[in-house]
Every structure is written in C-alpha cells, then in structure tokens.
Amino acid sequence: MNEDVFINFEEIRSAAEKLYSNFGEIWCPYLQEKVIFNAKGKEHLKFKARHRARSHLDQNVRFKILKYAPEVIKKSHTIQGLSKTKSFEMIRSNQRNEEILVNVIYFEFVSVIEEKIRVRIIVKKIETSQPYFWSIIPFWKKNVKDGRKQINYGNPEED
C-alpha cells in the first residue's frame, strides 16, 4: 500500500473516531427511543467480525460517510429492512463477560442525502437493551467486473 494513502487513511480514521465520540444518543422517530453510538458500533466500522478486520478501503468509505448517520436516524420514520435472529453476544453479567445466545433485531434505514449520496444505516437491538448504531454502508457499490453501480446487499451482522 502506498505510504501517502495510509497516512491519509489514518487522518480520516482519526477524524471519524472523534466525530463518532461526539454523537452520543440520537432520537429515532421509528423506534420511538434513542439510538446510542457506543464502542460496539465504532469497532464494527473497523472489523467485520471478531478478529477479522475490514480492508482499509472499506473502512475509508464508511468513515467518510459516517457524518450522515445521525441525520438519517433523526429523520427515519419508516424502515427499509428488518432482520430478526438469535446470536451469541458478549454480555456483561456477574462482573464478567459471557457469550450468551440472545434475540437480535437489525433495523435498516436508507436515505438519500444531498440528492446524490445514498446510505444504509443499521441499528442493532439486543433483547431488551437500548438500540445502538451498528453500521453505515454506501447503498451502491461498483461491480468489480464491469464497473457499473449495483445495490449493496448483505448480511446485517457483517455489513
């Protein structure tokens, strides 16, 4: 990787992390409760799963559009996707972390911003806990074979 690209990436990541820490909680009209921006969402921007880092390109795209996340959540009166599953989640219990099988719901909100940017926000809710920001995904991605735009679908847990 070109060293200049890496330095630029570090600047973008640092700025995005600072921005993320300022988000706090955002009221979501659809969920009728606040969505928190916690460490789990921040880590998910960098990692697909535990011990599986995202590529610098993938992280870079997400960091650049992260600033739109609060706006999308604030204006979301309808959802574009809903996924319910059971998943092993790290839960703090009895002063230690335990992986427990719990019910998980992923809410997907899609928005067009500034008439050209289309993003998908995923909010994760584990059983009775407060929902939290999980991910931001560019709605379109380029097809590797022909370079044309295609809708970016995937697994909400990894996206």
C-alpha atoms as a PDB file:
ATOM      1  CA  MET A   1       0.000   0.000   0.000  1.00  0.00           C
ATOM      2  CA  ASN A   2       1.250   3.473  -0.854  1.00  0.00           C
ATOM      3  CA  GLU A   3       2.502   5.225   2.296  1.00  0.00           C
ATOM      4  CA  ASP A   4       0.681   8.502   1.422  1.00  0.00           C
ATOM      5  CA  VAL A   5      -2.611   6.633   1.165  1.00  0.00           C
ATOM      6  CA  PHE A   6      -2.004   5.088   4.597  1.00  0.00           C
ATOM      7  CA  ILE A   7      -1.285   8.495   6.167  1.00  0.00           C
ATOM      8  CA  ASN A   8      -4.477   9.912   4.626  1.00  0.00           C
ATOM      9  CA  PHE A   9      -6.386   6.890   5.916  1.00  0.00           C
ATOM     10  CA  GLU A  10      -5.063   7.473   9.432  1.00  0.00           C
ATOM     11  CA  GLU A  11      -6.185  11.112   9.290  1.00  0.00           C
ATOM     12  CA  ILE A  12      -9.660  10.133   8.073  1.00  0.00           C
ATOM     13  CA  ARG A  13      -9.963   7.397  10.714  1.00  0.00           C
ATOM     14  CA  SER A  14      -8.847   9.715  13.500  1.00  0.00           C
ATOM     15  CA  ALA A  15     -11.328  12.427  12.444  1.00  0.00           C
ATOM     16  CA  ALA A  16     -14.151   9.861  12.153  1.00  0.00           C
ATOM     17  CA  GLU A  17     -13.437   8.434  15.614  1.00  0.00           C
ATOM     18  CA  LYS A  18     -13.516  11.922  17.116  1.00  0.00           C
ATOM     19  CA  LEU A  19     -16.785  12.677  15.318  1.00  0.00           C
ATOM     20  CA  TYR A  20     -18.278   9.351  16.438  1.00  0.00           C
ATOM     21  CA  SER A  21     -17.484  10.057  20.085  1.00  0.00           C
ATOM     22  CA  ASN A  22     -19.480  13.308  19.824  1.00  0.00           C
ATOM     23  CA  PHE A  23     -22.684  11.667  18.525  1.00  0.00           C
ATOM     24  CA  GLY A  24     -23.857  10.282  21.892  1.00  0.00           C
ATOM     25  CA  GLU A  25     -27.571   9.495  21.569  1.00  0.00           C
ATOM     26  CA  ILE A  26     -29.965  10.326  18.723  1.00  0.00           C
ATOM     27  CA  TRP A  27     -33.765  10.132  18.897  1.00  0.00           C
ATOM     28  CA  CYS A  28     -35.189   7.788  16.251  1.00  0.00           C
ATOM     29  CA  PRO A  29     -38.832   8.515  15.341  1.00  0.00           C
ATOM     30  CA  TYR A  30     -39.437   4.998  14.001  1.00  0.00           C
ATOM     31  CA  LEU A  31     -38.136   3.200  17.094  1.00  0.00           C
ATOM     32  CA  GLN A  32     -39.601   5.830  19.445  1.00  0.00           C
ATOM     33  CA  GLU A  33     -36.433   5.739  21.533  1.00  0.00           C
ATOM     34  CA  LYS A  34     -32.855   6.946  21.482  1.00  0.00           C
ATOM     35  CA  VAL A  35     -30.190   5.134  19.474  1.00  0.00           C
ATOM     36  CA  ILE A  36     -26.800   5.194  21.177  1.00  0.00           C
ATOM     37  CA  PHE A  37     -23.426   5.381  19.482  1.00  0.00           C
ATOM     38  CA  ASN A  38     -21.337   3.032  21.628  1.00  0.00           C
ATOM     39  CA  ALA A  39     -17.997   1.233  21.342  1.00  0.00           C
ATOM     40  CA  LYS A  40     -19.604  -1.785  19.646  1.00  0.00           C
ATOM     41  CA  GLY A  41     -20.685   0.286  16.649  1.00  0.00           C
ATOM     42  CA  LYS A  42     -17.338   2.037  16.471  1.00  0.00           C
ATOM     43  CA  GLU A  43     -15.486  -1.284  16.454  1.00  0.00           C
ATOM     44  CA  HIS A  44     -17.837  -2.664  13.813  1.00  0.00           C
ATOM     45  CA  LEU A  45     -16.772   0.127  11.466  1.00  0.00           C
ATOM     46  CA  LYS A  46     -13.240  -1.327  11.668  1.00  0.00           C
ATOM     47  CA  PHE A  47     -13.961  -5.067  11.964  1.00  0.00           C
ATOM     48  CA  LYS A  48     -16.380  -7.370  10.110  1.00  0.00           C
ATOM     49  CA  ALA A  49     -16.343  -9.836  12.998  1.00  0.00           C
ATOM     50  CA  ARG A  50     -14.145 -10.550  15.989  1.00  0.00           C
ATOM     51  CA  HIS A  51     -10.505 -10.734  14.807  1.00  0.00           C
ATOM     52  CA  ARG A  52     -11.490 -10.043  11.146  1.00  0.00           C
ATOM     53  CA  ALA A  53     -10.532  -6.504  10.190  1.00  0.00           C
ATOM     54  CA  ARG A  54     -12.144  -4.700   7.271  1.00  0.00           C
ATOM     55  CA  SER A  55      -9.934  -3.621   4.401  1.00  0.00           C
ATOM     56  CA  HIS A  56      -8.609  -0.058   4.563  1.00  0.00           C
ATOM     57  CA  LEU A  57     -10.725   0.780   1.502  1.00  0.00           C
ATOM     58  CA  ASP A  58     -13.909  -0.497   3.181  1.00  0.00           C
ATOM     59  CA  GLN A  59     -13.135   1.376   6.417  1.00  0.00           C
ATOM     60  CA  ASN A  60     -12.250   4.524   4.492  1.00  0.00           C
ATOM     61  CA  VAL A  61     -15.606   4.577   2.670  1.00  0.00           C
ATOM     62  CA  ARG A  62     -17.509   4.085   5.928  1.00  0.00           C
ATOM     63  CA  PHE A  63     -15.510   6.742   7.785  1.00  0.00           C
ATOM     64  CA  LYS A  64     -16.154   9.284   5.019  1.00  0.00           C
ATOM     65  CA  ILE A  65     -19.944   8.840   5.128  1.00  0.00           C
ATOM     66  CA  LEU A  66     -20.212   8.419   8.917  1.00  0.00           C
ATOM     67  CA  LYS A  67     -21.151  12.082   9.355  1.00  0.00           C
ATOM     68  CA  TYR A  68     -24.559  11.315   7.779  1.00  0.00           C
ATOM     69  CA  ALA A  69     -25.547   8.648  10.327  1.00  0.00           C
ATOM     70  CA  PRO A  70     -27.212  10.938  12.924  1.00  0.00           C
ATOM     71  CA  GLU A  71     -29.192  12.767  10.233  1.00  0.00           C
ATOM     72  CA  VAL A  72     -30.543   9.509   8.788  1.00  0.00           C
ATOM     73  CA  ILE A  73     -31.542   8.195  12.223  1.00  0.00           C
ATOM     74  CA  LYS A  74     -33.229  11.516  13.183  1.00  0.00           C
ATOM     75  CA  LYS A  75     -35.349  11.512  10.021  1.00  0.00           C
ATOM     76  CA  SER A  76     -36.244   7.808   9.911  1.00  0.00           C
ATOM     77  CA  HIS A  77     -39.992   7.336  10.157  1.00  0.00           C
ATOM     78  CA  THR A  78     -40.033   4.048   8.213  1.00  0.00           C
ATOM     79  CA  ILE A  79     -37.669   1.112   7.877  1.00  0.00           C
ATOM     80  CA  GLN A  80     -36.453  -0.441   4.657  1.00  0.00           C
ATOM     81  CA  GLY A  81     -35.340  -3.705   6.206  1.00  0.00           C
ATOM     82  CA  LEU A  82     -35.860  -5.758   9.328  1.00  0.00           C
ATOM     83  CA  SER A  83     -33.932  -8.863  10.282  1.00  0.00           C
ATOM     84  CA  LYS A  84     -34.577 -10.948  13.390  1.00  0.00           C
ATOM     85  CA  THR A  85     -32.175 -13.644  14.514  1.00  0.00           C
ATOM     86  CA  LYS A  86     -30.608 -15.333  17.505  1.00  0.00           C
ATOM     87  CA  SER A  87     -26.940 -14.645  18.003  1.00  0.00           C
ATOM     88  CA  PHE A  88     -24.209 -15.233  20.547  1.00  0.00           C
ATOM     89  CA  GLU A  89     -23.421 -11.824  22.001  1.00  0.00           C
ATOM     90  CA  MET A  90     -20.873 -10.766  24.585  1.00  0.00           C
ATOM     91  CA  ILE A  91     -22.932  -9.688  27.603  1.00  0.00           C
ATOM     92  CA  ARG A  92     -21.567  -8.349  30.877  1.00  0.00           C
ATOM     93  CA  SER A  93     -23.037 -10.494  33.632  1.00  0.00           C
ATOM     94  CA  ASN A  94     -21.970 -11.083  37.234  1.00  0.00           C
ATOM     95  CA  GLN A  95     -18.894  -8.878  36.793  1.00  0.00           C
ATOM     96  CA  ARG A  96     -17.599 -10.854  33.815  1.00  0.00           C
ATOM     97  CA  ASN A  97     -18.181 -11.068  30.074  1.00  0.00           C
ATOM     98  CA  GLU A  98     -20.148 -14.047  28.817  1.00  0.00           C
ATOM     99  CA  GLU A  99     -21.252 -15.076  25.344  1.00  0.00           C
ATOM    100  CA  ILE A 100     -24.975 -15.703  25.565  1.00  0.00           C
ATOM    101  CA  LEU A 101     -27.493 -16.671  22.879  1.00  0.00           C
ATOM    102  CA  VAL A 102     -29.953 -13.771  22.628  1.00  0.00           C
ATOM    103  CA  ASN A 103     -32.623 -12.402  20.300  1.00  0.00           C
ATOM    104  CA  VAL A 104     -31.248  -9.709  17.996  1.00  0.00           C
ATOM    105  CA  ILE A 105     -33.115  -7.348  15.680  1.00  0.00           C
ATOM    106  CA  TYR A 106     -31.431  -5.342  12.920  1.00  0.00           C
ATOM    107  CA  PHE A 107     -33.296  -2.271  11.640  1.00  0.00           C
ATOM    108  CA  GLU A 108     -32.181  -0.909   8.262  1.00  0.00           C
ATOM    109  CA  PHE A 109     -32.793   2.715   7.335  1.00  0.00           C
ATOM    110  CA  VAL A 110     -31.983   4.023   3.841  1.00  0.00           C
ATOM    111  CA  SER A 111     -31.744   7.685   2.960  1.00  0.00           C
ATOM    112  CA  VAL A 112     -30.721   9.924   0.070  1.00  0.00           C
ATOM    113  CA  ILE A 113     -28.648  12.856   1.279  1.00  0.00           C
ATOM    114  CA  GLU A 114     -27.692  15.944  -0.724  1.00  0.00           C
ATOM    115  CA  GLU A 115     -29.514  14.445  -3.746  1.00  0.00           C
ATOM    116  CA  LYS A 116     -26.577  12.176  -4.630  1.00  0.00           C
ATOM    117  CA  ILE A 117     -25.441  10.244  -1.570  1.00  0.00           C
ATOM    118  CA  ARG A 118     -27.483   7.183  -0.659  1.00  0.00           C
ATOM    119  CA  VAL A 119     -26.612   5.378   2.570  1.00  0.00           C
ATOM    120  CA  ARG A 120     -27.943   2.475   4.584  1.00  0.00           C
ATOM    121  CA  ILE A 121     -27.795   2.626   8.377  1.00  0.00           C
ATOM    122  CA  ILE A 122     -28.124  -0.480  10.503  1.00  0.00           C
ATOM    123  CA  VAL A 123     -29.310  -0.185  14.096  1.00  0.00           C
ATOM    124  CA  LYS A 124     -28.917  -3.248  16.295  1.00  0.00           C
ATOM    125  CA  LYS A 125     -31.145  -4.106  19.250  1.00  0.00           C
ATOM    126  CA  ILE A 126     -30.355  -6.967  21.612  1.00  0.00           C
ATOM    127  CA  GLU A 127     -33.433  -8.215  23.504  1.00  0.00           C
ATOM    128  CA  THR A 128     -34.478  -5.524  25.996  1.00  0.00           C
ATOM    129  CA  SER A 129     -31.389  -3.312  25.734  1.00  0.00           C
ATOM    130  CA  GLN A 130     -31.312   0.128  24.145  1.00  0.00           C
ATOM    131  CA  PRO A 131     -30.807   0.052  20.341  1.00  0.00           C
ATOM    132  CA  TYR A 132     -27.413   1.139  19.110  1.00  0.00           C
ATOM    133  CA  PHE A 133     -25.784   2.207  15.863  1.00  0.00           C
ATOM    134  CA  TRP A 134     -24.257  -0.823  14.206  1.00  0.00           C
ATOM    135  CA  SER A 135     -23.121   0.183  10.740  1.00  0.00           C
ATOM    136  CA  ILE A 136     -23.253   2.584   7.843  1.00  0.00           C
ATOM    137  CA  ILE A 137     -22.994   1.249   4.318  1.00  0.00           C
ATOM    138  CA  PRO A 138     -22.903   3.018   0.984  1.00  0.00           C
ATOM    139  CA  PHE A 139     -26.095   1.889  -0.731  1.00  0.00           C
ATOM    140  CA  TRP A 140     -24.310   1.499  -4.059  1.00  0.00           C
ATOM    141  CA  LYS A 141     -21.054  -0.235  -4.803  1.00  0.00           C
ATOM    142  CA  LYS A 142     -19.208  -0.772  -8.064  1.00  0.00           C
ATOM    143  CA  ASN A 143     -19.311  -4.168  -9.704  1.00  0.00           C
ATOM    144  CA  VAL A 144     -15.724  -5.427  -9.945  1.00  0.00           C
ATOM    145  CA  LYS A 145     -16.280  -6.996 -13.378  1.00  0.00           C
ATOM    146  CA  ASP A 146     -17.849  -4.127 -15.319  1.00  0.00           C
ATOM    147  CA  GLY A 147     -17.568  -1.049 -13.027  1.00  0.00           C
ATOM    148  CA  ARG A 148     -21.331  -0.414 -13.008  1.00  0.00           C
ATOM    149  CA  LYS A 149     -23.200   0.558  -9.846  1.00  0.00           C
ATOM    150  CA  GLN A 150     -25.158  -2.154  -8.075  1.00  0.00           C
ATOM    151  CA  ILE A 151     -27.196  -2.213  -4.898  1.00  0.00           C
ATOM    152  CA  ASN A 152     -25.100  -3.255  -1.915  1.00  0.00           C
ATOM    153  CA  TYR A 153     -26.954  -6.100  -0.160  1.00  0.00           C
ATOM    154  CA  GLY A 154     -25.527  -8.298   2.514  1.00  0.00           C
ATOM    155  CA  ASN A 155     -25.613  -9.735   5.978  1.00  0.00           C
ATOM    156  CA  PRO A 156     -26.521  -7.061   8.588  1.00  0.00           C
ATOM    157  CA  GLU A 157     -24.229  -8.711  11.163  1.00  0.00           C
ATOM    158  CA  GLU A 158     -21.173  -8.263   8.908  1.00  0.00           C
ATOM    159  CA  ASP A 159     -22.151  -5.177   6.867  1.00  0.00           C
END
